[in-house]
C-alpha atoms as a PDB file:
ATOM      1  CA  UNK A   1       0.000   0.000   0.000  1.00  0.00           C
ATOM      2  CA  UNK A   2       1.623   3.254  -1.128  1.00  0.00           C
ATOM      3  CA  UNK A   3      -0.430   5.567   1.066  1.00  0.00           C
ATOM      4  CA  UNK A   4      -1.228   5.792   4.746  1.00  0.00           C
ATOM      5  CA  UNK A   5      -4.770   4.857   5.725  1.00  0.00           C
ATOM      6  CA  UNK A   6      -6.835   5.497   8.801  1.00  0.00           C
ATOM      7  CA  UNK A   7      -8.088   2.056   9.850  1.00  0.00           C
ATOM      8  CA  UNK A   8     -10.919   1.121  12.207  1.00  0.00           C
ATOM      9  CA  UNK A   9      -9.976  -2.234  13.722  1.00  0.00           C
ATOM     10  CA  UNK A  10     -13.172  -3.969  14.892  1.00  0.00           C
ATOM     11  CA  UNK A  11     -12.546  -6.708  17.458  1.00  0.00           C
ATOM     12  CA  UNK A  12     -14.271  -8.369  20.399  1.00  0.00           C
ATOM     13  CA  UNK A  13     -18.025  -8.421  19.971  1.00  0.00           C
ATOM     14  CA  UNK A  14     -20.567 -10.486  21.882  1.00  0.00           C
ATOM     15  CA  UNK A  15     -20.430 -13.959  20.316  1.00  0.00           C
ATOM     16  CA  UNK A  16     -19.057 -17.111  21.921  1.00  0.00           C
ATOM     17  CA  UNK A  17     -15.883 -16.423  19.929  1.00  0.00           C
ATOM     18  CA  UNK A  18     -15.182 -13.088  21.595  1.00  0.00           C
ATOM     19  CA  UNK A  19     -11.826 -14.167  23.055  1.00  0.00           C
ATOM     20  CA  UNK A  20     -10.672 -15.506  19.688  1.00  0.00           C
ATOM     21  CA  UNK A  21     -11.678 -12.216  18.085  1.00  0.00           C
ATOM     22  CA  UNK A  22      -9.725 -10.246  20.669  1.00  0.00           C
ATOM     23  CA  UNK A  23      -6.681 -12.447  20.081  1.00  0.00           C
ATOM     24  CA  UNK A  24      -6.946 -11.913  16.315  1.00  0.00           C
ATOM     25  CA  UNK A  25      -7.353  -8.181  16.836  1.00  0.00           C
ATOM     26  CA  UNK A  26      -4.348  -7.907  19.121  1.00  0.00           C
ATOM     27  CA  UNK A  27      -2.164  -9.764  16.620  1.00  0.00           C
ATOM     28  CA  UNK A  28      -3.293  -7.484  13.793  1.00  0.00           C
ATOM     29  CA  UNK A  29      -2.771  -4.424  15.990  1.00  0.00           C
ATOM     30  CA  UNK A  30       0.821  -5.482  16.677  1.00  0.00           C
ATOM     31  CA  UNK A  31       1.454  -5.965  12.945  1.00  0.00           C
ATOM     32  CA  UNK A  32       0.175  -2.476  12.243  1.00  0.00           C
ATOM     33  CA  UNK A  33       3.331  -1.162  13.892  1.00  0.00           C
ATOM     34  CA  UNK A  34       5.234  -2.288  10.773  1.00  0.00           C
ATOM     35  CA  UNK A  35       2.869  -0.437   8.420  1.00  0.00           C
ATOM     36  CA  UNK A  36       2.361   3.280   7.740  1.00  0.00           C
ATOM     37  CA  UNK A  37      -1.343   3.167   8.611  1.00  0.00           C
ATOM     38  CA  UNK A  38      -3.001   4.752  11.630  1.00  0.00           C
ATOM     39  CA  UNK A  39      -5.293   2.393  13.486  1.00  0.00           C
ATOM     40  CA  UNK A  40      -7.928   2.712  16.210  1.00  0.00           C
ATOM     41  CA  UNK A  41      -9.666  -0.260  17.800  1.00  0.00           C
ATOM     42  CA  UNK A  42     -13.413  -0.559  18.432  1.00  0.00           C
ATOM     43  CA  UNK A  43     -15.274  -3.261  20.348  1.00  0.00           C
ATOM     44  CA  UNK A  44     -18.906  -3.575  19.156  1.00  0.00           C
ATOM     45  CA  UNK A  45     -19.849  -4.809  22.627  1.00  0.00           C
ATOM     46  CA  UNK A  46     -19.242  -1.288  23.960  1.00  0.00           C
ATOM     47  CA  UNK A  47     -18.248   0.997  21.075  1.00  0.00           C
ATOM     48  CA  UNK A  48     -20.775   0.324  18.308  1.00  0.00           C
ATOM     49  CA  UNK A  49     -22.519   3.696  18.521  1.00  0.00           C
ATOM     50  CA  UNK A  50     -19.148   5.468  18.624  1.00  0.00           C
ATOM     51  CA  UNK A  51     -18.006   3.522  15.542  1.00  0.00           C
ATOM     52  CA  UNK A  52     -21.116   4.555  13.584  1.00  0.00           C
ATOM     53  CA  UNK A  53     -20.823   8.169  14.716  1.00  0.00           C
ATOM     54  CA  UNK A  54     -17.181   8.401  13.636  1.00  0.00           C
ATOM     55  CA  UNK A  55     -17.275   6.157  10.555  1.00  0.00           C
ATOM     56  CA  UNK A  56     -16.559   9.099   8.257  1.00  0.00           C
ATOM     57  CA  UNK A  57     -13.158   9.619   9.898  1.00  0.00           C
ATOM     58  CA  UNK A  58     -11.821   6.297   8.601  1.00  0.00           C
ATOM     59  CA  UNK A  59     -10.743   5.055   5.172  1.00  0.00           C
ATOM     60  CA  UNK A  60     -11.349   1.371   5.823  1.00  0.00           C
ATOM     61  CA  UNK A  61     -12.352  -1.153   8.487  1.00  0.00           C
ATOM     62  CA  UNK A  62     -10.596  -4.368   9.444  1.00  0.00           C
ATOM     63  CA  UNK A  63     -13.273  -6.673  10.827  1.00  0.00           C
ATOM     64  CA  UNK A  64     -11.750  -9.228  13.204  1.00  0.00           C
ATOM     65  CA  UNK A  65     -15.032 -10.611  14.533  1.00  0.00           C
ATOM     66  CA  UNK A  66     -15.761 -14.337  14.485  1.00  0.00           C
ATOM     67  CA  UNK A  67     -19.129 -16.028  14.846  1.00  0.00           C
ATOM     68  CA  UNK A  68     -22.649 -14.545  15.005  1.00  0.00           C
ATOM     69  CA  UNK A  69     -22.844 -10.766  14.935  1.00  0.00           C
ATOM     70  CA  UNK A  70     -19.573 -10.407  13.068  1.00  0.00           C
ATOM     71  CA  UNK A  71     -19.213 -13.171  10.513  1.00  0.00           C
ATOM     72  CA  UNK A  72     -22.879 -13.554   9.543  1.00  0.00           C
ATOM     73  CA  UNK A  73     -23.304 -10.319   7.573  1.00  0.00           C
ATOM     74  CA  UNK A  74     -25.031  -8.172  10.192  1.00  0.00           C
ATOM     75  CA  UNK A  75     -22.071  -5.902  10.919  1.00  0.00           C
ATOM     76  CA  UNK A  76     -21.215  -5.788   7.216  1.00  0.00           C
ATOM     77  CA  UNK A  77     -24.690  -4.386   6.504  1.00  0.00           C
ATOM     78  CA  UNK A  78     -24.129  -1.653   9.070  1.00  0.00           C
ATOM     79  CA  UNK A  79     -20.762  -0.765   7.566  1.00  0.00           C
ATOM     80  CA  UNK A  80     -22.351  -0.623   4.107  1.00  0.00           C
ATOM     81  CA  UNK A  81     -24.962   1.828   5.427  1.00  0.00           C
ATOM     82  CA  UNK A  82     -22.341   4.168   6.878  1.00  0.00           C
ATOM     83  CA  UNK A  83     -20.131   3.891   3.787  1.00  0.00           C
ATOM     84  CA  UNK A  84     -17.089   2.284   5.406  1.00  0.00           C
ATOM     85  CA  UNK A  85     -15.362  -0.380   3.232  1.00  0.00           C
ATOM     86  CA  UNK A  86     -14.005  -3.520   4.888  1.00  0.00           C
ATOM     87  CA  UNK A  87     -11.626  -6.382   4.075  1.00  0.00           C
ATOM     88  CA  UNK A  88     -14.067  -9.307   4.248  1.00  0.00           C
ATOM     89  CA  UNK A  89     -17.068 -10.452   2.225  1.00  0.00           C
ATOM     90  CA  UNK A  90     -20.363  -8.593   2.168  1.00  0.00           C
ATOM     91  CA  UNK A  91     -23.760  -9.277   3.687  1.00  0.00           C
ATOM     92  CA  UNK A  92     -24.901 -12.064   1.379  1.00  0.00           C
ATOM     93  CA  UNK A  93     -21.613 -13.951   1.195  1.00  0.00           C
ATOM     94  CA  UNK A  94     -21.098 -13.852   4.952  1.00  0.00           C
ATOM     95  CA  UNK A  95     -24.688 -14.898   5.668  1.00  0.00           C
ATOM     96  CA  UNK A  96     -24.504 -17.823   3.240  1.00  0.00           C
ATOM     97  CA  UNK A  97     -21.165 -19.087   4.520  1.00  0.00           C
ATOM     98  CA  UNK A  98     -22.229 -18.795   8.168  1.00  0.00           C
ATOM     99  CA  UNK A  99     -25.355 -20.880   7.587  1.00  0.00           C
ATOM    100  CA  UNK A 100     -23.870 -24.336   7.011  1.00  0.00           C
ATOM    101  CA  UNK A 101     -26.973 -25.948   5.431  1.00  0.00           C
ATOM    102  CA  UNK A 102     -27.470 -23.044   3.001  1.00  0.00           C
ATOM    103  CA  UNK A 103     -23.762 -23.013   2.141  1.00  0.00           C
ATOM    104  CA  UNK A 104     -23.898 -26.733   1.364  1.00  0.00           C
ATOM    105  CA  UNK A 105     -26.908 -26.186  -0.897  1.00  0.00           C
ATOM    106  CA  UNK A 106     -24.848 -23.625  -2.780  1.00  0.00           C
ATOM    107  CA  UNK A 107     -21.856 -25.961  -2.986  1.00  0.00           C
ATOM    108  CA  UNK A 108     -24.049 -28.726  -4.388  1.00  0.00           C
ATOM    109  CA  UNK A 109     -25.450 -26.324  -6.980  1.00  0.00           C
ATOM    110  CA  UNK A 110     -21.888 -25.714  -8.184  1.00  0.00           C
ATOM    111  CA  UNK A 111     -21.040 -29.420  -8.200  1.00  0.00           C
ATOM    112  CA  UNK A 112     -18.645 -29.338  -5.243  1.00  0.00           C
ATOM    113  CA  UNK A 113     -18.200 -32.529  -3.181  1.00  0.00           C
ATOM    114  CA  UNK A 114     -19.912 -32.393   0.232  1.00  0.00           C
ATOM    115  CA  UNK A 115     -20.905 -34.926   2.881  1.00  0.00           C
ATOM    116  CA  UNK A 116     -24.374 -36.471   3.102  1.00  0.00           C
ATOM    117  CA  UNK A 117     -26.458 -34.700   5.730  1.00  0.00           C
ATOM    118  CA  UNK A 118     -29.759 -34.066   7.455  1.00  0.00           C
ATOM    119  CA  UNK A 119     -31.074 -30.706   8.669  1.00  0.00           C
ATOM    120  CA  UNK A 120     -33.039 -30.838  11.934  1.00  0.00           C
ATOM    121  CA  UNK A 121     -35.136 -28.328  13.872  1.00  0.00           C
ATOM    122  CA  UNK A 122     -36.396 -28.295  17.437  1.00  0.00           C
ATOM    123  CA  UNK A 123     -39.878 -29.094  16.123  1.00  0.00           C
ATOM    124  CA  UNK A 124     -38.754 -32.585  15.095  1.00  0.00           C
ATOM    125  CA  UNK A 125     -40.722 -35.227  17.001  1.00  0.00           C
ATOM    126  CA  UNK A 126     -37.836 -37.710  17.065  1.00  0.00           C
ATOM    127  CA  UNK A 127     -34.623 -36.114  15.741  1.00  0.00           C
ATOM    128  CA  UNK A 128     -32.386 -38.914  17.013  1.00  0.00           C
ATOM    129  CA  UNK A 129     -34.560 -41.536  15.335  1.00  0.00           C
ATOM    130  CA  UNK A 130     -34.441 -39.646  12.056  1.00  0.00           C
ATOM    131  CA  UNK A 131     -30.645 -39.486  12.208  1.00  0.00           C
ATOM    132  CA  UNK A 132     -30.304 -43.201  12.947  1.00  0.00           C
ATOM    133  CA  UNK A 133     -32.686 -44.102  10.126  1.00  0.00           C
ATOM    134  CA  UNK A 134     -31.404 -41.554   7.595  1.00  0.00           C
ATOM    135  CA  UNK A 135     -27.643 -41.412   8.171  1.00  0.00           C
ATOM    136  CA  UNK A 136     -26.656 -43.994  10.732  1.00  0.00           C
ATOM    137  CA  UNK A 137     -23.546 -43.842  12.893  1.00  0.00           C
ATOM    138  CA  UNK A 138     -20.942 -42.509  13.224  1.00  0.00           C
ATOM    139  CA  UNK A 139     -22.073 -38.987  12.428  1.00  0.00           C
ATOM    140  CA  UNK A 140     -21.136 -35.380  13.139  1.00  0.00           C
ATOM    141  CA  UNK A 141     -23.599 -33.014  14.849  1.00  0.00           C
ATOM    142  CA  UNK A 142     -23.201 -29.256  14.298  1.00  0.00           C
ATOM    143  CA  UNK A 143     -25.178 -26.097  15.115  1.00  0.00           C
ATOM    144  CA  UNK A 144     -26.183 -24.506  11.812  1.00  0.00           C
ATOM    145  CA  UNK A 145     -24.582 -21.133  12.532  1.00  0.00           C
ATOM    146  CA  UNK A 146     -21.634 -21.328  14.912  1.00  0.00           C
ATOM    147  CA  UNK A 147     -17.929 -21.083  14.229  1.00  0.00           C
ATOM    148  CA  UNK A 148     -14.671 -22.327  15.762  1.00  0.00           C
ATOM    149  CA  UNK A 149     -16.168 -25.813  16.194  1.00  0.00           C
ATOM    150  CA  UNK A 150     -18.470 -24.717  19.031  1.00  0.00           C
ATOM    151  CA  UNK A 151     -21.175 -27.291  19.756  1.00  0.00           C
ATOM    152  CA  UNK A 152     -19.772 -29.904  17.348  1.00  0.00           C
ATOM    153  CA  UNK A 153     -19.793 -33.560  18.416  1.00  0.00           C
ATOM    154  CA  UNK A 154     -18.650 -36.749  16.755  1.00  0.00           C
ATOM    155  CA  UNK A 155     -21.234 -39.388  17.661  1.00  0.00           C
ATOM    156  CA  UNK A 156     -20.112 -43.005  17.496  1.00  0.00           C
ATOM    157  CA  UNK A 157     -22.712 -44.729  19.698  1.00  0.00           C
ATOM    158  CA  UNK A 158     -26.504 -44.394  19.861  1.00  0.00           C
ATOM    159  CA  UNK A 159     -26.379 -43.322  23.525  1.00  0.00           C
ATOM    160  CA  UNK A 160     -24.252 -40.297  22.563  1.00  0.00           C
ATOM    161  CA  UNK A 161     -26.675 -38.958  19.959  1.00  0.00           C
ATOM    162  CA  UNK A 162     -29.357 -37.312  22.125  1.00  0.00           C
ATOM    163  CA  UNK A 163     -26.830 -35.400  24.302  1.00  0.00           C
ATOM    164  CA  UNK A 164     -24.990 -34.238  21.162  1.00  0.00           C
ATOM    165  CA  UNK A 165     -28.209 -32.955  19.610  1.00  0.00           C
ATOM    166  CA  UNK A 166     -29.133 -31.208  22.859  1.00  0.00           C
ATOM    167  CA  UNK A 167     -25.744 -29.475  22.992  1.00  0.00           C
ATOM    168  CA  UNK A 168     -26.100 -28.276  19.404  1.00  0.00           C
ATOM    169  CA  UNK A 169     -29.717 -27.116  19.878  1.00  0.00           C
ATOM    170  CA  UNK A 170     -28.558 -25.098  22.908  1.00  0.00           C
ATOM    171  CA  UNK A 171     -26.611 -22.924  20.438  1.00  0.00           C
ATOM    172  CA  UNK A 172     -28.954 -22.864  17.428  1.00  0.00           C
ATOM    173  CA  UNK A 173     -32.559 -23.733  16.599  1.00  0.00           C
ATOM    174  CA  UNK A 174     -31.346 -25.532  13.459  1.00  0.00           C
ATOM    175  CA  UNK A 175     -28.825 -28.388  13.560  1.00  0.00           C
ATOM    176  CA  UNK A 176     -26.868 -30.016  10.749  1.00  0.00           C
ATOM    177  CA  UNK A 177     -25.991 -33.707  11.037  1.00  0.00           C
ATOM    178  CA  UNK A 178     -23.471 -35.118   8.579  1.00  0.00           C
ATOM    179  CA  UNK A 179     -22.065 -38.541   7.862  1.00  0.00           C
ATOM    180  CA  UNK A 180     -18.705 -39.031   9.537  1.00  0.00           C
ATOM    181  CA  UNK A 181     -15.846 -39.050   7.038  1.00  0.00           C
ATOM    182  CA  UNK A 182     -12.482 -40.565   7.897  1.00  0.00           C
ATOM    183  CA  UNK A 183      -9.448 -38.956   6.331  1.00  0.00           C
ATOM    184  CA  UNK A 184      -6.833 -36.236   6.532  1.00  0.00           C
ATOM    185  CA  UNK A 185      -7.897 -32.728   7.618  1.00  0.00           C
ATOM    186  CA  UNK A 186      -6.851 -29.995   5.184  1.00  0.00           C
ATOM    187  CA  UNK A 187      -7.534 -26.303   4.832  1.00  0.00           C
ATOM    188  CA  UNK A 188      -7.265 -24.087   1.763  1.00  0.00           C
ATOM    189  CA  UNK A 189      -6.912 -20.333   2.226  1.00  0.00           C
ATOM    190  CA  UNK A 190      -7.954 -18.096  -0.659  1.00  0.00           C
ATOM    191  CA  UNK A 191      -7.220 -14.390  -1.204  1.00  0.00           C
ATOM    192  CA  UNK A 192      -8.633 -12.111  -3.863  1.00  0.00           C
ATOM    193  CA  UNK A 193     -11.708 -10.439  -5.299  1.00  0.00           C
ATOM    194  CA  UNK A 194     -12.289 -10.876  -9.036  1.00  0.00           C
ATOM    195  CA  UNK A 195      -9.360 -13.299  -9.422  1.00  0.00           C
ATOM    196  CA  UNK A 196      -8.968 -15.188  -6.126  1.00  0.00           C
ATOM    197  CA  UNK A 197      -5.908 -17.377  -5.670  1.00  0.00           C
ATOM    198  CA  UNK A 198      -5.209 -20.226  -3.279  1.00  0.00           C
ATOM    199  CA  UNK A 199      -2.341 -20.173  -0.812  1.00  0.00           C
ATOM    200  CA  UNK A 200      -0.349 -23.315   0.110  1.00  0.00           C
ATOM    201  CA  UNK A 201      -2.462 -25.962   1.814  1.00  0.00           C
ATOM    202  CA  UNK A 202      -2.202 -26.771   5.508  1.00  0.00           C
ATOM    203  CA  UNK A 203      -2.716 -30.250   6.955  1.00  0.00           C
ATOM    204  CA  UNK A 204      -4.013 -30.356  10.537  1.00  0.00           C
ATOM    205  CA  UNK A 205      -3.186 -33.273  12.799  1.00  0.00           C
ATOM    206  CA  UNK A 206      -5.059 -32.874  16.119  1.00  0.00           C
ATOM    207  CA  UNK A 207      -3.319 -34.099  19.250  1.00  0.00           C
ATOM    208  CA  UNK A 208      -4.256 -37.383  20.899  1.00  0.00           C
ATOM    209  CA  UNK A 209      -6.641 -35.622  23.301  1.00  0.00           C
ATOM    210  CA  UNK A 210      -8.787 -34.305  20.442  1.00  0.00           C
ATOM    211  CA  UNK A 211     -11.095 -36.282  18.163  1.00  0.00           C
ATOM    212  CA  UNK A 212     -10.919 -33.538  15.544  1.00  0.00           C
ATOM    213  CA  UNK A 213      -9.784 -29.932  15.074  1.00  0.00           C
ATOM    214  CA  UNK A 214     -12.028 -28.553  17.832  1.00  0.00           C
ATOM    215  CA  UNK A 215     -11.823 -25.191  19.619  1.00  0.00           C
ATOM    216  CA  UNK A 216      -9.053 -26.239  22.005  1.00  0.00           C
ATOM    217  CA  UNK A 217      -7.095 -27.907  19.225  1.00  0.00           C
ATOM    218  CA  UNK A 218      -7.337 -24.718  17.144  1.00  0.00           C
ATOM    219  CA  UNK A 219      -6.356 -22.148  19.725  1.00  0.00           C
ATOM    220  CA  UNK A 220      -4.147 -23.937  22.262  1.00  0.00           C
ATOM    221  CA  UNK A 221      -0.505 -23.674  21.185  1.00  0.00           C
ATOM    222  CA  UNK A 222       0.923 -27.160  20.688  1.00  0.00           C
ATOM    223  CA  UNK A 223      -2.455 -28.931  20.823  1.00  0.00           C
ATOM    224  CA  UNK A 224      -2.276 -29.759  17.119  1.00  0.00           C
ATOM    225  CA  UNK A 225       0.355 -30.139  14.449  1.00  0.00           C
ATOM    226  CA  UNK A 226      -0.051 -28.008  11.368  1.00  0.00           C
ATOM    227  CA  UNK A 227       2.030 -28.925   8.352  1.00  0.00           C
ATOM    228  CA  UNK A 228       2.446 -26.309   5.625  1.00  0.00           C
ATOM    229  CA  UNK A 229       2.715 -27.029   2.819  1.00  0.00           C
ATOM    230  CA  UNK A 230       0.605 -30.150   3.282  1.00  0.00           C
ATOM    231  CA  UNK A 231       2.585 -33.243   2.196  1.00  0.00           C
ATOM    232  CA  UNK A 232       0.482 -34.168  -0.827  1.00  0.00           C
ATOM    233  CA  UNK A 233       1.195 -34.981  -4.441  1.00  0.00           C
ATOM    234  CA  UNK A 234       0.908 -32.130  -6.914  1.00  0.00           C
ATOM    235  CA  UNK A 235      -2.380 -33.327  -8.409  1.00  0.00           C
ATOM    236  CA  UNK A 236      -4.153 -33.609  -5.049  1.00  0.00           C
ATOM    237  CA  UNK A 237      -2.749 -30.265  -3.921  1.00  0.00           C
ATOM    238  CA  UNK A 238      -4.048 -28.539  -7.028  1.00  0.00           C
ATOM    239  CA  UNK A 239      -7.432 -30.271  -6.709  1.00  0.00           C
ATOM    240  CA  UNK A 240      -7.973 -29.050  -3.134  1.00  0.00           C
ATOM    241  CA  UNK A 241      -6.739 -25.551  -3.951  1.00  0.00           C
ATOM    242  CA  UNK A 242      -9.097 -25.379  -6.948  1.00  0.00           C
ATOM    243  CA  UNK A 243     -11.984 -26.492  -4.730  1.00  0.00           C
ATOM    244  CA  UNK A 244     -11.096 -23.762  -2.213  1.00  0.00           C
ATOM    245  CA  UNK A 245     -11.272 -21.151  -4.971  1.00  0.00           C
ATOM    246  CA  UNK A 246     -14.514 -22.700  -6.293  1.00  0.00           C
ATOM    247  CA  UNK A 247     -16.094 -22.527  -2.819  1.00  0.00           C
ATOM    248  CA  UNK A 248     -15.027 -18.876  -2.508  1.00  0.00           C
ATOM    249  CA  UNK A 249     -16.681 -18.099  -5.848  1.00  0.00           C
ATOM    250  CA  UNK A 250     -19.793 -20.231  -5.258  1.00  0.00           C
ATOM    251  CA  UNK A 251     -20.622 -18.142  -2.190  1.00  0.00           C
ATOM    252  CA  UNK A 252     -19.812 -14.870  -3.959  1.00  0.00           C
ATOM    253  CA  UNK A 253     -17.021 -13.998  -1.533  1.00  0.00           C
ATOM    254  CA  UNK A 254     -14.361 -11.317  -1.701  1.00  0.00           C
ATOM    255  CA  UNK A 255     -11.253 -10.424   0.224  1.00  0.00           C
ATOM    256  CA  UNK A 256     -10.324 -13.779   1.667  1.00  0.00           C
ATOM    257  CA  UNK A 257     -11.714 -17.067   2.920  1.00  0.00           C
ATOM    258  CA  UNK A 258     -10.588 -20.396   4.326  1.00  0.00           C
ATOM    259  CA  UNK A 259     -12.262 -23.662   3.353  1.00  0.00           C
ATOM    260  CA  UNK A 260     -11.886 -26.884   5.334  1.00  0.00           C
ATOM    261  CA  UNK A 261     -11.713 -30.339   3.760  1.00  0.00           C
ATOM    262  CA  UNK A 262     -11.489 -34.022   4.620  1.00  0.00           C
ATOM    263  CA  UNK A 263      -9.295 -35.951   2.207  1.00  0.00           C
ATOM    264  CA  UNK A 264     -10.983 -39.361   2.031  1.00  0.00           C
ATOM    265  CA  UNK A 265      -9.936 -42.432   0.081  1.00  0.00           C
ATOM    266  CA  UNK A 266     -12.270 -41.272  -2.702  1.00  0.00           C
ATOM    267  CA  UNK A 267     -10.959 -37.707  -2.774  1.00  0.00           C
ATOM    268  CA  UNK A 268     -11.436 -34.353  -1.003  1.00  0.00           C
ATOM    269  CA  UNK A 269     -14.785 -33.428   0.538  1.00  0.00           C
ATOM    270  CA  UNK A 270     -15.617 -29.799   1.341  1.00  0.00           C
ATOM    271  CA  UNK A 271     -16.816 -29.235   4.911  1.00  0.00           C
ATOM    272  CA  UNK A 272     -17.327 -25.472   5.251  1.00  0.00           C
ATOM    273  CA  UNK A 273     -15.979 -22.041   4.348  1.00  0.00           C
ATOM    274  CA  UNK A 274     -15.010 -19.274   6.782  1.00  0.00           C
ATOM    275  CA  UNK A 275     -15.284 -15.662   5.648  1.00  0.00           C
ATOM    276  CA  UNK A 276     -13.201 -14.131   8.476  1.00  0.00           C
ATOM    277  CA  UNK A 277     -10.440 -16.648   9.198  1.00  0.00           C
ATOM    278  CA  UNK A 278      -8.640 -16.382  12.496  1.00  0.00           C
ATOM    279  CA  UNK A 279      -5.562 -14.151  12.626  1.00  0.00           C
ATOM    280  CA  UNK A 280      -3.999 -15.332  15.887  1.00  0.00           C
ATOM    281  CA  UNK A 281      -0.482 -16.666  16.348  1.00  0.00           C
ATOM    282  CA  UNK A 282      -1.765 -20.236  15.820  1.00  0.00           C
ATOM    283  CA  UNK A 283      -4.156 -19.474  12.938  1.00  0.00           C
ATOM    284  CA  UNK A 284      -3.924 -21.321   9.654  1.00  0.00           C
ATOM    285  CA  UNK A 285      -4.256 -18.556   7.055  1.00  0.00           C
ATOM    286  CA  UNK A 286      -1.207 -16.606   8.311  1.00  0.00           C
ATOM    287  CA  UNK A 287       0.800 -19.865   8.221  1.00  0.00           C
ATOM    288  CA  UNK A 288      -0.206 -20.427   4.602  1.00  0.00           C
ATOM    289  CA  UNK A 289       0.630 -16.808   3.738  1.00  0.00           C
ATOM    290  CA  UNK A 290       4.065 -17.142   5.364  1.00  0.00           C
ATOM    291  CA  UNK A 291       4.759 -20.259   3.282  1.00  0.00           C
ATOM    292  CA  UNK A 292       3.874 -18.203   0.194  1.00  0.00           C
ATOM    293  CA  UNK A 293       6.423 -15.561   1.246  1.00  0.00           C
ATOM    294  CA  UNK A 294       4.063 -13.059   2.878  1.00  0.00           C
ATOM    295  CA  UNK A 295       4.858 -11.665   6.298  1.00  0.00           C
ATOM    296  CA  UNK A 296       1.938 -11.101   8.659  1.00  0.00           C
ATOM    297  CA  UNK A 297       2.171  -7.341   8.095  1.00  0.00           C
ATOM    298  CA  UNK A 298       2.218  -7.813   4.313  1.00  0.00           C
ATOM    299  CA  UNK A 299      -0.856 -10.026   4.574  1.00  0.00           C
ATOM    300  CA  UNK A 300      -2.735  -7.338   6.524  1.00  0.00           C
ATOM    301  CA  UNK A 301      -1.651  -4.704   4.012  1.00  0.00           C
ATOM    302  CA  UNK A 302      -2.897  -6.842   1.104  1.00  0.00           C
ATOM    303  CA  UNK A 303      -6.287  -7.282   2.791  1.00  0.00           C
ATOM    304  CA  UNK A 304      -6.580  -3.504   3.185  1.00  0.00           C
ATOM    305  CA  UNK A 305      -5.775  -3.081  -0.493  1.00  0.00           C
ATOM    306  CA  UNK A 306      -8.461  -5.613  -1.467  1.00  0.00           C
ATOM    307  CA  UNK A 307     -10.990  -3.795   0.750  1.00  0.00           C
ATOM    308  CA  UNK A 308     -10.510  -0.610  -1.280  1.00  0.00           C
ATOM    309  CA  UNK A 309     -10.473  -2.332  -4.673  1.00  0.00           C
ATOM    310  CA  UNK A 310     -13.323  -1.226  -6.928  1.00  0.00           C
END
């Protein structure tokens, strides 16, 4: 970026991912010391009115909010109304990606490989029975609109199913249940607007205490191994990267995204796409950017440039 910008860094918020958001925001704030931009932080939990009142003072916003209220399009709509550009996707893209069942419908429309699933609501008379009859076990139970693996359970026995559904329904009135897929966990980060490009892939190997890449495995240093670039043959690497770009485009995203995959014996399967990937010290997108030769500060600067791109 050749010019100095005045940046509103939005971090914190009120979702269950508040602490992750604050960690992302603090890491970005530290990186700003290497850039010529002037930055001021706002927490929507306490500063939302102040942010709206002063929006005209800033050139661009960096939204470091994860989960509902920040990654679902609501804040993006507010920023659109006050005329403040931002580095992530807009209202529709964020809303689609945050709603896992709707995102999967979109992926299917574009021919992308996804897991078999059922969508349940609280009104179901016998949700556990429907899962056992329709999908069987093992399966994965997820709230429809939560991030950072909150409320996700891998269910291997029938006795575990009802408690898993209850935990997911405690976070959302709609629950997605998917077939369990065995394989290697991969993530593909994508950056760009009209011509998005994939960064090197990361393979995630959760520690022995974790069944999958859950919240603790993501944000506890040393709880998982992340290998970048993922040790894959060139053809498989390109296939997963192309699917990451295709997911980004299917949802109409801009700026950046990170899509998660399971590499099964039959090939990669797309799990979900995140529109505001974590930017903490243990986050995956900064690791992929570093492997591509981008420092953390350069990554932030690129995102600011994309936010202002016509």
